[in-house]
Amino acid sequence: MSGPFRLGLTGSIGMGKSTTAAMFAAEGIPVWDADAAVHRLYSKGGAAVGPIAAICPSAFQQGSIDRTALKAWLARDTQALGQIEAVVHPLVAADRAQFLAEINADIALFDIPLLFEKGTEAEMNATLLVTAPPDVQRARVLSRPGMTQAQFDLILQRQMPDAQKRARATHIVETLDVASTRGYVMALITYIRSKDA
């Protein structure tokens, strides 16, 4: 793989992924965010708007895709997820490739919640899993506005168990406090640069 060192960041909900990604960004590392890419694709003028509107007309509202309407369709129709993914995944991959082509850096971070589930780790030089004990994860997630135990359980069902992710990750950081997580991030950047030099 030519170009920058590609580090794939992943972790289940409530593990501290966004906070960790922000630490890399603060060190000048370009960050590509899968969720933000999907948001761009669903927004007015986004590449997914037309194709998604064609398969789920009720989700097309004011020139963009309404994610609440998409979730309602997903809840009703077991085939919906496959149809949505068939449209969105190639567009997300193209967005990721464009990001890589436009940056000038020695390291790039790819924040991808379903990195292992979708096999995207094959495109990375290394992976970093953010993790925390189950009780910490649960407390963080349930403190989010509008989050219920049922929603949390549903999200966990869709995500690979943390133990499996630990077995597949190149690097693992436990995000118990900000200072130690930042220390780990700084050490990892130094390590990658020394190895890649």
N, C-alpha and C. Protein backbone atom coordinates (compact mmCIF):
# COMPACT_ATOMS: atom_id res chain seq x y z
N MET A 1 0.85 -1.19 0.00
CA MET A 1 0.00 0.00 0.00
C MET A 1 0.89 1.25 0.00
N SER A 2 0.71 2.08 -1.00
CA SER A 2 1.47 3.32 -1.03
C SER A 2 0.68 4.42 -0.34
N GLY A 3 1.30 5.59 -0.22
CA GLY A 3 0.60 6.69 0.45
C GLY A 3 0.81 6.63 1.95
N PRO A 4 -0.04 7.32 2.70
CA PRO A 4 0.14 7.37 4.15
C PRO A 4 -0.10 6.02 4.82
N PHE A 5 0.42 5.87 6.04
CA PHE A 5 0.14 4.71 6.87
C PHE A 5 -1.33 4.78 7.25
N ARG A 6 -2.09 3.75 6.94
CA ARG A 6 -3.53 3.75 7.19
C ARG A 6 -3.85 3.01 8.48
N LEU A 7 -4.35 3.77 9.46
CA LEU A 7 -4.72 3.19 10.75
C LEU A 7 -6.24 3.18 10.87
N GLY A 8 -6.80 1.99 11.00
CA GLY A 8 -8.25 1.85 11.13
C GLY A 8 -8.65 1.87 12.59
N LEU A 9 -9.49 2.84 12.96
CA LEU A 9 -9.95 2.98 14.35
C LEU A 9 -11.36 2.41 14.46
N THR A 10 -11.57 1.55 15.45
CA THR A 10 -12.91 0.99 15.63
C THR A 10 -13.17 0.72 17.10
N GLY A 11 -14.39 0.35 17.39
CA GLY A 11 -14.80 0.07 18.77
C GLY A 11 -16.31 0.14 18.85
N SER A 12 -16.88 -0.62 19.74
CA SER A 12 -18.33 -0.64 19.88
C SER A 12 -18.82 0.68 20.45
N ILE A 13 -20.13 0.86 20.43
CA ILE A 13 -20.75 2.08 20.95
C ILE A 13 -20.34 2.32 22.41
N GLY A 14 -20.05 3.58 22.74
CA GLY A 14 -19.74 3.94 24.12
C GLY A 14 -18.33 3.60 24.58
N MET A 15 -17.47 3.21 23.65
CA MET A 15 -16.11 2.82 24.04
C MET A 15 -15.12 3.98 24.00
N GLY A 16 -15.52 5.12 23.43
CA GLY A 16 -14.64 6.29 23.40
C GLY A 16 -13.97 6.54 22.06
N LYS A 17 -14.58 6.03 21.00
CA LYS A 17 -14.00 6.14 19.66
C LYS A 17 -13.89 7.58 19.17
N SER A 18 -14.98 8.35 19.32
CA SER A 18 -14.97 9.75 18.85
C SER A 18 -13.94 10.58 19.59
N THR A 19 -13.85 10.37 20.90
CA THR A 19 -12.87 11.10 21.72
C THR A 19 -11.46 10.76 21.28
N THR A 20 -11.21 9.47 21.02
CA THR A 20 -9.88 9.03 20.59
C THR A 20 -9.54 9.58 19.21
N ALA A 21 -10.51 9.57 18.29
CA ALA A 21 -10.29 10.12 16.95
C ALA A 21 -9.92 11.60 17.03
N ALA A 22 -10.59 12.33 17.92
CA ALA A 22 -10.31 13.76 18.10
C ALA A 22 -8.88 13.99 18.58
N MET A 23 -8.35 13.05 19.37
CA MET A 23 -6.96 13.16 19.86
C MET A 23 -5.97 13.04 18.70
N PHE A 24 -6.25 12.15 17.77
CA PHE A 24 -5.39 12.03 16.58
C PHE A 24 -5.47 13.31 15.75
N ALA A 25 -6.68 13.83 15.56
CA ALA A 25 -6.87 15.06 14.79
C ALA A 25 -6.11 16.22 15.43
N ALA A 26 -6.12 16.27 16.77
CA ALA A 26 -5.41 17.34 17.49
C ALA A 26 -3.90 17.28 17.26
N GLU A 27 -3.41 16.10 16.89
CA GLU A 27 -1.98 15.93 16.60
C GLU A 27 -1.67 16.12 15.11
N GLY A 28 -2.67 16.61 14.37
CA GLY A 28 -2.46 16.90 12.95
C GLY A 28 -2.64 15.71 12.03
N ILE A 29 -3.17 14.61 12.55
CA ILE A 29 -3.41 13.41 11.73
C ILE A 29 -4.75 13.59 11.01
N PRO A 30 -4.80 13.50 9.67
CA PRO A 30 -6.09 13.60 8.99
C PRO A 30 -7.00 12.43 9.37
N VAL A 31 -8.26 12.73 9.64
CA VAL A 31 -9.22 11.70 10.08
C VAL A 31 -10.37 11.62 9.08
N TRP A 32 -10.62 10.39 8.61
CA TRP A 32 -11.81 10.14 7.77
C TRP A 32 -12.81 9.41 8.66
N ASP A 33 -14.03 9.93 8.72
CA ASP A 33 -15.07 9.43 9.60
C ASP A 33 -16.19 8.79 8.78
N ALA A 34 -16.38 7.49 8.93
CA ALA A 34 -17.39 6.77 8.14
C ALA A 34 -18.79 7.33 8.36
N ASP A 35 -19.15 7.63 9.62
CA ASP A 35 -20.48 8.17 9.90
C ASP A 35 -20.69 9.53 9.24
N ALA A 36 -19.65 10.37 9.27
CA ALA A 36 -19.73 11.69 8.63
C ALA A 36 -19.86 11.54 7.12
N ALA A 37 -19.18 10.54 6.55
CA ALA A 37 -19.28 10.29 5.10
C ALA A 37 -20.71 9.92 4.73
N VAL A 38 -21.35 9.05 5.52
CA VAL A 38 -22.74 8.66 5.26
C VAL A 38 -23.66 9.88 5.37
N HIS A 39 -23.39 10.71 6.37
CA HIS A 39 -24.18 11.94 6.55
C HIS A 39 -24.08 12.83 5.30
N ARG A 40 -22.86 12.99 4.76
CA ARG A 40 -22.66 13.78 3.53
C ARG A 40 -23.43 13.16 2.36
N LEU A 41 -23.37 11.84 2.26
CA LEU A 41 -24.04 11.14 1.15
C LEU A 41 -25.56 11.29 1.21
N TYR A 42 -26.11 11.38 2.43
CA TYR A 42 -27.55 11.50 2.63
C TYR A 42 -28.04 12.95 2.57
N SER A 43 -27.11 13.90 2.67
CA SER A 43 -27.50 15.32 2.69
C SER A 43 -27.85 15.80 1.29
N LYS A 44 -28.47 16.97 1.23
CA LYS A 44 -28.88 17.57 -0.05
C LYS A 44 -27.70 17.59 -1.02
N GLY A 45 -27.90 17.06 -2.21
CA GLY A 45 -26.83 17.00 -3.20
C GLY A 45 -25.91 15.80 -3.05
N GLY A 46 -26.11 15.01 -1.99
CA GLY A 46 -25.27 13.83 -1.74
C GLY A 46 -25.53 12.72 -2.76
N ALA A 47 -24.50 11.93 -3.03
CA ALA A 47 -24.57 10.90 -4.06
C ALA A 47 -25.57 9.78 -3.75
N ALA A 48 -25.93 9.59 -2.47
CA ALA A 48 -26.86 8.50 -2.12
C ALA A 48 -28.32 8.94 -2.17
N VAL A 49 -28.58 10.24 -2.27
CA VAL A 49 -29.96 10.73 -2.17
C VAL A 49 -30.86 10.11 -3.24
N GLY A 50 -30.46 10.20 -4.51
CA GLY A 50 -31.28 9.67 -5.61
C GLY A 50 -31.50 8.17 -5.50
N PRO A 51 -30.42 7.37 -5.39
CA PRO A 51 -30.60 5.92 -5.31
C PRO A 51 -31.41 5.45 -4.09
N ILE A 52 -31.23 6.10 -2.93
CA ILE A 52 -32.00 5.70 -1.74
C ILE A 52 -33.45 6.12 -1.90
N ALA A 53 -33.69 7.29 -2.46
CA ALA A 53 -35.07 7.76 -2.70
C ALA A 53 -35.81 6.80 -3.63
N ALA A 54 -35.07 6.20 -4.56
CA ALA A 54 -35.69 5.26 -5.52
C ALA A 54 -36.16 3.98 -4.84
N ILE A 55 -35.42 3.52 -3.80
CA ILE A 55 -35.81 2.28 -3.13
C ILE A 55 -36.67 2.53 -1.89
N CYS A 56 -36.60 3.74 -1.34
CA CYS A 56 -37.42 4.08 -0.17
C CYS A 56 -37.92 5.53 -0.31
N PRO A 57 -38.95 5.74 -1.14
CA PRO A 57 -39.44 7.11 -1.41
C PRO A 57 -39.82 7.89 -0.15
N SER A 58 -40.30 7.21 0.88
CA SER A 58 -40.73 7.91 2.10
C SER A 58 -39.55 8.56 2.85
N ALA A 59 -38.32 8.10 2.56
CA ALA A 59 -37.14 8.66 3.23
C ALA A 59 -36.66 9.95 2.56
N PHE A 60 -37.17 10.24 1.37
CA PHE A 60 -36.75 11.44 0.64
C PHE A 60 -37.58 12.62 1.11
N GLN A 61 -36.92 13.53 1.81
CA GLN A 61 -37.63 14.70 2.35
C GLN A 61 -36.78 15.95 2.19
N GLN A 62 -37.34 16.95 1.53
CA GLN A 62 -36.68 18.25 1.32
C GLN A 62 -35.28 18.10 0.71
N GLY A 63 -35.16 17.23 -0.26
CA GLY A 63 -33.91 17.10 -1.01
C GLY A 63 -32.85 16.25 -0.36
N SER A 64 -33.15 15.67 0.81
CA SER A 64 -32.17 14.82 1.48
C SER A 64 -32.84 13.55 1.99
N ILE A 65 -32.05 12.67 2.58
CA ILE A 65 -32.58 11.41 3.13
C ILE A 65 -32.80 11.57 4.62
N ASP A 66 -34.01 11.27 5.06
CA ASP A 66 -34.36 11.33 6.48
C ASP A 66 -34.02 9.99 7.13
N ARG A 67 -33.04 10.01 8.02
CA ARG A 67 -32.56 8.76 8.63
C ARG A 67 -33.62 8.12 9.52
N THR A 68 -34.51 8.93 10.10
CA THR A 68 -35.59 8.38 10.93
C THR A 68 -36.52 7.53 10.08
N ALA A 69 -36.84 8.01 8.86
CA ALA A 69 -37.69 7.26 7.94
C ALA A 69 -36.98 5.98 7.48
N LEU A 70 -35.68 6.06 7.29
CA LEU A 70 -34.90 4.86 6.90
C LEU A 70 -34.94 3.83 8.03
N LYS A 71 -34.78 4.29 9.27
CA LYS A 71 -34.82 3.37 10.42
C LYS A 71 -36.18 2.69 10.52
N ALA A 72 -37.25 3.44 10.23
CA ALA A 72 -38.60 2.87 10.26
C ALA A 72 -38.73 1.77 9.21
N TRP A 73 -38.15 2.00 8.01
CA TRP A 73 -38.17 1.00 6.94
C TRP A 73 -37.37 -0.23 7.36
N LEU A 74 -36.21 -0.01 7.96
CA LEU A 74 -35.38 -1.12 8.44
C LEU A 74 -36.12 -1.98 9.45
N ALA A 75 -36.90 -1.33 10.31
CA ALA A 75 -37.66 -2.06 11.34
C ALA A 75 -38.79 -2.89 10.72
N ARG A 76 -39.34 -2.41 9.61
CA ARG A 76 -40.47 -3.09 8.94
C ARG A 76 -40.04 -4.21 8.00
N ASP A 77 -38.89 -4.03 7.34
CA ASP A 77 -38.52 -4.90 6.21
C ASP A 77 -37.14 -5.52 6.42
N THR A 78 -37.09 -6.83 6.49
CA THR A 78 -35.81 -7.52 6.73
C THR A 78 -34.86 -7.40 5.53
N GLN A 79 -35.39 -7.10 4.35
CA GLN A 79 -34.56 -6.97 3.15
C GLN A 79 -33.95 -5.56 3.01
N ALA A 80 -34.46 -4.62 3.80
CA ALA A 80 -34.08 -3.21 3.63
C ALA A 80 -32.59 -2.97 3.81
N LEU A 81 -32.00 -3.57 4.85
CA LEU A 81 -30.59 -3.31 5.15
C LEU A 81 -29.70 -3.67 3.96
N GLY A 82 -29.93 -4.82 3.38
CA GLY A 82 -29.14 -5.26 2.22
C GLY A 82 -29.27 -4.29 1.05
N GLN A 83 -30.49 -3.79 0.82
CA GLN A 83 -30.71 -2.84 -0.28
C GLN A 83 -30.00 -1.52 -0.03
N ILE A 84 -30.08 -1.05 1.22
CA ILE A 84 -29.41 0.22 1.57
C ILE A 84 -27.89 0.06 1.44
N GLU A 85 -27.37 -1.04 1.98
CA GLU A 85 -25.92 -1.26 1.95
C GLU A 85 -25.40 -1.39 0.52
N ALA A 86 -26.18 -2.00 -0.37
CA ALA A 86 -25.77 -2.15 -1.77
C ALA A 86 -25.57 -0.78 -2.43
N VAL A 87 -26.36 0.20 -2.00
CA VAL A 87 -26.23 1.56 -2.53
C VAL A 87 -25.10 2.31 -1.83
N VAL A 88 -25.11 2.26 -0.50
CA VAL A 88 -24.24 3.14 0.29
C VAL A 88 -22.78 2.68 0.36
N HIS A 89 -22.53 1.38 0.48
CA HIS A 89 -21.15 0.93 0.67
C HIS A 89 -20.19 1.32 -0.45
N PRO A 90 -20.57 1.15 -1.73
CA PRO A 90 -19.65 1.59 -2.79
C PRO A 90 -19.40 3.10 -2.75
N LEU A 91 -20.42 3.88 -2.38
CA LEU A 91 -20.28 5.33 -2.31
C LEU A 91 -19.36 5.73 -1.14
N VAL A 92 -19.48 5.02 -0.03
CA VAL A 92 -18.62 5.27 1.13
C VAL A 92 -17.17 4.92 0.77
N ALA A 93 -16.97 3.81 0.07
CA ALA A 93 -15.62 3.41 -0.36
C ALA A 93 -15.01 4.46 -1.29
N ALA A 94 -15.83 5.02 -2.17
CA ALA A 94 -15.35 6.06 -3.09
C ALA A 94 -14.98 7.33 -2.32
N ASP A 95 -15.78 7.67 -1.30
CA ASP A 95 -15.50 8.84 -0.46
C ASP A 95 -14.17 8.65 0.28
N ARG A 96 -13.94 7.42 0.78
CA ARG A 96 -12.70 7.10 1.50
C ARG A 96 -11.49 7.21 0.54
N ALA A 97 -11.65 6.71 -0.67
CA ALA A 97 -10.56 6.77 -1.67
C ALA A 97 -10.25 8.22 -2.05
N GLN A 98 -11.29 9.04 -2.16
CA GLN A 98 -11.09 10.45 -2.50
C GLN A 98 -10.32 11.17 -1.38
N PHE A 99 -10.69 10.87 -0.14
CA PHE A 99 -9.99 11.44 1.02
C PHE A 99 -8.50 11.10 0.96
N LEU A 100 -8.20 9.83 0.69
CA LEU A 100 -6.81 9.37 0.63
C LEU A 100 -6.05 10.08 -0.47
N ALA A 101 -6.71 10.29 -1.61
CA ALA A 101 -6.06 10.93 -2.76
C ALA A 101 -5.77 12.40 -2.50
N GLU A 102 -6.56 13.03 -1.62
CA GLU A 102 -6.45 14.48 -1.42
C GLU A 102 -5.54 14.89 -0.26
N ILE A 103 -5.20 13.96 0.62
CA ILE A 103 -4.40 14.35 1.79
C ILE A 103 -2.91 14.20 1.51
N ASN A 104 -2.12 14.96 2.26
CA ASN A 104 -0.67 14.86 2.19
C ASN A 104 -0.18 14.68 3.63
N ALA A 105 -0.04 13.43 4.04
CA ALA A 105 0.33 13.13 5.43
C ALA A 105 1.03 11.78 5.49
N ASP A 106 1.78 11.57 6.58
CA ASP A 106 2.46 10.28 6.72
C ASP A 106 1.55 9.22 7.37
N ILE A 107 0.54 9.69 8.12
CA ILE A 107 -0.42 8.78 8.77
C ILE A 107 -1.83 9.32 8.51
N ALA A 108 -2.76 8.42 8.24
CA ALA A 108 -4.17 8.81 8.13
C ALA A 108 -4.99 7.87 9.01
N LEU A 109 -5.96 8.44 9.72
CA LEU A 109 -6.82 7.66 10.61
C LEU A 109 -8.18 7.47 9.96
N PHE A 110 -8.67 6.24 9.98
CA PHE A 110 -9.99 5.92 9.41
C PHE A 110 -10.90 5.44 10.54
N ASP A 111 -11.86 6.29 10.91
CA ASP A 111 -12.79 6.03 12.01
C ASP A 111 -13.98 5.26 11.42
N ILE A 112 -13.98 3.93 11.62
CA ILE A 112 -14.98 3.06 10.98
C ILE A 112 -15.60 2.13 12.03
N PRO A 113 -16.85 2.41 12.45
CA PRO A 113 -17.48 1.59 13.49
C PRO A 113 -17.54 0.10 13.14
N LEU A 114 -17.84 -0.23 11.88
CA LEU A 114 -17.97 -1.64 11.48
C LEU A 114 -16.75 -2.12 10.68
N LEU A 115 -15.57 -1.70 11.12
CA LEU A 115 -14.32 -2.02 10.43
C LEU A 115 -14.14 -3.52 10.22
N PHE A 116 -14.30 -4.30 11.30
CA PHE A 116 -14.12 -5.75 11.20
C PHE A 116 -15.35 -6.43 10.60
N GLU A 117 -16.53 -5.93 10.96
CA GLU A 117 -17.77 -6.55 10.47
C GLU A 117 -17.86 -6.53 8.94
N LYS A 118 -17.33 -5.46 8.34
CA LYS A 118 -17.43 -5.29 6.88
C LYS A 118 -16.14 -5.67 6.15
N GLY A 119 -15.12 -6.11 6.90
CA GLY A 119 -13.86 -6.54 6.27
C GLY A 119 -12.97 -5.41 5.78
N THR A 120 -13.26 -4.18 6.19
CA THR A 120 -12.49 -3.02 5.72
C THR A 120 -11.08 -3.00 6.30
N GLU A 121 -10.82 -3.80 7.35
CA GLU A 121 -9.46 -3.82 7.92
C GLU A 121 -8.43 -4.28 6.90
N ALA A 122 -8.88 -4.98 5.83
CA ALA A 122 -7.97 -5.44 4.78
C ALA A 122 -7.31 -4.26 4.04
N GLU A 123 -7.96 -3.09 4.09
CA GLU A 123 -7.42 -1.90 3.43
C GLU A 123 -6.48 -1.10 4.33
N MET A 124 -6.32 -1.53 5.58
CA MET A 124 -5.53 -0.79 6.56
C MET A 124 -4.15 -1.42 6.76
N ASN A 125 -3.19 -0.58 7.19
CA ASN A 125 -1.88 -1.10 7.57
C ASN A 125 -1.91 -1.69 8.98
N ALA A 126 -2.79 -1.12 9.83
CA ALA A 126 -2.94 -1.59 11.21
C ALA A 126 -4.31 -1.13 11.71
N THR A 127 -4.74 -1.73 12.82
CA THR A 127 -6.03 -1.35 13.41
C THR A 127 -5.85 -1.01 14.88
N LEU A 128 -6.68 -0.09 15.35
CA LEU A 128 -6.68 0.31 16.76
C LEU A 128 -8.10 0.14 17.29
N LEU A 129 -8.22 -0.70 18.30
CA LEU A 129 -9.52 -0.92 18.95
C LEU A 129 -9.58 -0.10 20.23
N VAL A 130 -10.64 0.71 20.36
CA VAL A 130 -10.89 1.38 21.64
C VAL A 130 -11.89 0.53 22.42
N THR A 131 -11.62 0.34 23.69
CA THR A 131 -12.46 -0.55 24.48
C THR A 131 -12.58 -0.03 25.91
N ALA A 132 -13.52 -0.57 26.63
CA ALA A 132 -13.74 -0.23 28.04
C ALA A 132 -14.52 -1.38 28.66
N PRO A 133 -14.47 -1.54 29.99
CA PRO A 133 -15.25 -2.61 30.62
C PRO A 133 -16.75 -2.46 30.33
N PRO A 134 -17.49 -3.58 30.27
CA PRO A 134 -18.92 -3.53 29.94
C PRO A 134 -19.75 -2.57 30.79
N ASP A 135 -19.45 -2.48 32.09
CA ASP A 135 -20.24 -1.58 32.95
C ASP A 135 -19.99 -0.11 32.60
N VAL A 136 -18.75 0.21 32.22
CA VAL A 136 -18.41 1.58 31.82
C VAL A 136 -19.11 1.91 30.50
N GLN A 137 -19.03 0.97 29.55
CA GLN A 137 -19.69 1.15 28.26
C GLN A 137 -21.19 1.40 28.45
N ARG A 138 -21.83 0.55 29.24
CA ARG A 138 -23.27 0.65 29.46
C ARG A 138 -23.65 2.00 30.08
N ALA A 139 -22.89 2.43 31.08
CA ALA A 139 -23.17 3.71 31.75
C ALA A 139 -23.03 4.88 30.77
N ARG A 140 -21.99 4.83 29.92
CA ARG A 140 -21.78 5.90 28.94
C ARG A 140 -22.94 5.97 27.94
N VAL A 141 -23.32 4.81 27.42
CA VAL A 141 -24.36 4.78 26.38
C VAL A 141 -25.73 5.19 26.94
N LEU A 142 -26.07 4.66 28.11
CA LEU A 142 -27.39 4.95 28.68
C LEU A 142 -27.50 6.39 29.20
N SER A 143 -26.37 7.09 29.31
CA SER A 143 -26.43 8.50 29.71
C SER A 143 -26.71 9.42 28.52
N ARG A 144 -26.70 8.85 27.30
CA ARG A 144 -26.97 9.65 26.10
C ARG A 144 -28.46 9.99 26.04
N PRO A 145 -28.80 11.21 25.58
CA PRO A 145 -30.21 11.60 25.51
C PRO A 145 -31.03 10.66 24.62
N GLY A 146 -32.16 10.19 25.14
CA GLY A 146 -33.07 9.36 24.36
C GLY A 146 -32.67 7.90 24.20
N MET A 147 -31.53 7.51 24.74
CA MET A 147 -31.08 6.12 24.60
C MET A 147 -31.76 5.24 25.64
N THR A 148 -32.26 4.09 25.16
CA THR A 148 -32.91 3.14 26.06
C THR A 148 -32.09 1.85 26.11
N GLN A 149 -32.36 1.02 27.09
CA GLN A 149 -31.68 -0.28 27.19
C GLN A 149 -31.98 -1.13 25.95
N ALA A 150 -33.22 -1.07 25.46
CA ALA A 150 -33.62 -1.85 24.27
C ALA A 150 -32.82 -1.41 23.04
N GLN A 151 -32.66 -0.10 22.86
CA GLN A 151 -31.87 0.41 21.72
C GLN A 151 -30.42 -0.02 21.84
N PHE A 152 -29.89 0.07 23.05
CA PHE A 152 -28.51 -0.33 23.32
C PHE A 152 -28.32 -1.81 22.98
N ASP A 153 -29.25 -2.66 23.43
CA ASP A 153 -29.17 -4.10 23.16
C ASP A 153 -29.20 -4.38 21.65
N LEU A 154 -30.05 -3.63 20.92
CA LEU A 154 -30.16 -3.81 19.47
C LEU A 154 -28.84 -3.45 18.78
N ILE A 155 -28.24 -2.34 19.20
CA ILE A 155 -26.96 -1.90 18.62
C ILE A 155 -25.88 -2.95 18.90
N LEU A 156 -25.85 -3.47 20.13
CA LEU A 156 -24.86 -4.49 20.49
C LEU A 156 -25.02 -5.76 19.65
N GLN A 157 -26.26 -6.12 19.34
CA GLN A 157 -26.52 -7.32 18.51
C GLN A 157 -25.92 -7.17 17.12
N ARG A 158 -25.89 -5.94 16.59
CA ARG A 158 -25.38 -5.70 15.23
C ARG A 158 -23.86 -5.61 15.21
N GLN A 159 -23.24 -5.40 16.37
CA GLN A 159 -21.80 -5.22 16.42
C GLN A 159 -21.11 -6.51 16.89
N MET A 160 -19.94 -6.74 16.32
CA MET A 160 -19.14 -7.90 16.73
C MET A 160 -18.78 -7.76 18.21
N PRO A 161 -18.85 -8.85 19.00
CA PRO A 161 -18.49 -8.75 20.42
C PRO A 161 -17.08 -8.22 20.62
N ASP A 162 -16.90 -7.45 21.69
CA ASP A 162 -15.61 -6.82 21.98
C ASP A 162 -14.47 -7.84 22.03
N ALA A 163 -14.73 -9.02 22.59
CA ALA A 163 -13.68 -10.04 22.70
C ALA A 163 -13.16 -10.46 21.32
N GLN A 164 -14.07 -10.57 20.35
CA GLN A 164 -13.66 -10.92 18.98
C GLN A 164 -12.84 -9.81 18.36
N LYS A 165 -13.25 -8.57 18.62
CA LYS A 165 -12.51 -7.42 18.08
C LYS A 165 -11.11 -7.39 18.69
N ARG A 166 -11.01 -7.67 19.99
CA ARG A 166 -9.70 -7.68 20.65
C ARG A 166 -8.77 -8.70 19.98
N ALA A 167 -9.32 -9.84 19.59
CA ALA A 167 -8.52 -10.89 18.98
C ALA A 167 -8.01 -10.48 17.59
N ARG A 168 -8.72 -9.56 16.93
CA ARG A 168 -8.36 -9.18 15.56
C ARG A 168 -7.56 -7.88 15.47
N ALA A 169 -7.61 -7.05 16.51
CA ALA A 169 -6.98 -5.72 16.45
C ALA A 169 -5.46 -5.80 16.57
N THR A 170 -4.78 -4.88 15.86
CA THR A 170 -3.32 -4.76 15.97
C THR A 170 -2.95 -4.10 17.28
N HIS A 171 -3.68 -3.02 17.61
CA HIS A 171 -3.43 -2.25 18.83
C HIS A 171 -4.75 -2.11 19.60
N ILE A 172 -4.65 -2.04 20.92
CA ILE A 172 -5.85 -1.91 21.77
C ILE A 172 -5.59 -0.84 22.83
N VAL A 173 -6.55 0.07 23.00
CA VAL A 173 -6.44 1.06 24.08
C VAL A 173 -7.72 1.02 24.91
N GLU A 174 -7.55 0.93 26.22
CA GLU A 174 -8.70 0.98 27.12
C GLU A 174 -8.90 2.44 27.52
N THR A 175 -10.10 2.95 27.25
CA THR A 175 -10.37 4.38 27.42
C THR A 175 -11.03 4.67 28.77
N LEU A 176 -10.30 4.46 29.84
CA LEU A 176 -10.85 4.70 31.17
C LEU A 176 -10.77 6.17 31.58
N ASP A 177 -9.70 6.85 31.12
CA ASP A 177 -9.61 8.29 31.39
C ASP A 177 -8.90 8.97 30.23
N VAL A 178 -9.17 10.26 30.07
CA VAL A 178 -8.69 11.03 28.93
C VAL A 178 -7.16 11.10 28.89
N ALA A 179 -6.54 11.33 30.04
CA ALA A 179 -5.09 11.51 30.08
C ALA A 179 -4.33 10.26 29.62
N SER A 180 -4.74 9.10 30.10
CA SER A 180 -4.02 7.88 29.72
C SER A 180 -4.30 7.52 28.25
N THR A 181 -5.52 7.80 27.79
CA THR A 181 -5.85 7.54 26.38
C THR A 181 -5.00 8.44 25.48
N ARG A 182 -4.90 9.73 25.85
CA ARG A 182 -4.07 10.65 25.06
C ARG A 182 -2.62 10.20 25.06
N GLY A 183 -2.13 9.74 26.19
CA GLY A 183 -0.76 9.25 26.28
C GLY A 183 -0.54 8.07 25.34
N TYR A 184 -1.52 7.18 25.27
CA TYR A 184 -1.43 6.02 24.38
C TYR A 184 -1.40 6.48 22.92
N VAL A 185 -2.28 7.42 22.57
CA VAL A 185 -2.35 7.94 21.19
C VAL A 185 -1.01 8.54 20.78
N MET A 186 -0.43 9.36 21.64
CA MET A 186 0.86 10.00 21.34
C MET A 186 1.95 8.93 21.14
N ALA A 187 1.94 7.93 22.02
CA ALA A 187 2.95 6.86 21.93
C ALA A 187 2.78 6.05 20.64
N LEU A 188 1.51 5.81 20.25
CA LEU A 188 1.25 5.03 19.04
C LEU A 188 1.70 5.80 17.79
N ILE A 189 1.43 7.11 17.76
CA ILE A 189 1.86 7.93 16.61
C ILE A 189 3.40 7.87 16.49
N THR A 190 4.08 8.01 17.62
CA THR A 190 5.55 7.94 17.64
C THR A 190 6.03 6.58 17.16
N TYR A 191 5.37 5.53 17.62
CA TYR A 191 5.73 4.16 17.24
C TYR A 191 5.57 3.94 15.73
N ILE A 192 4.42 4.38 15.18
CA ILE A 192 4.17 4.20 13.74
C ILE A 192 5.22 4.96 12.93
N ARG A 193 5.53 6.18 13.37
CA ARG A 193 6.50 6.98 12.62
C ARG A 193 7.90 6.36 12.68
N SER A 194 8.27 5.78 13.82
CA SER A 194 9.60 5.19 13.95
C SER A 194 9.70 3.90 13.13
N LYS A 195 8.60 3.17 13.06
CA LYS A 195 8.58 1.90 12.32
C LYS A 195 8.50 2.15 10.82
N ASP A 196 7.81 3.23 10.45
CA ASP A 196 7.52 3.53 9.05
C ASP A 196 8.65 4.34 8.39
N ALA A 197 9.58 4.85 9.21
CA ALA A 197 10.64 5.72 8.69
C ALA A 197 11.61 4.99 7.78
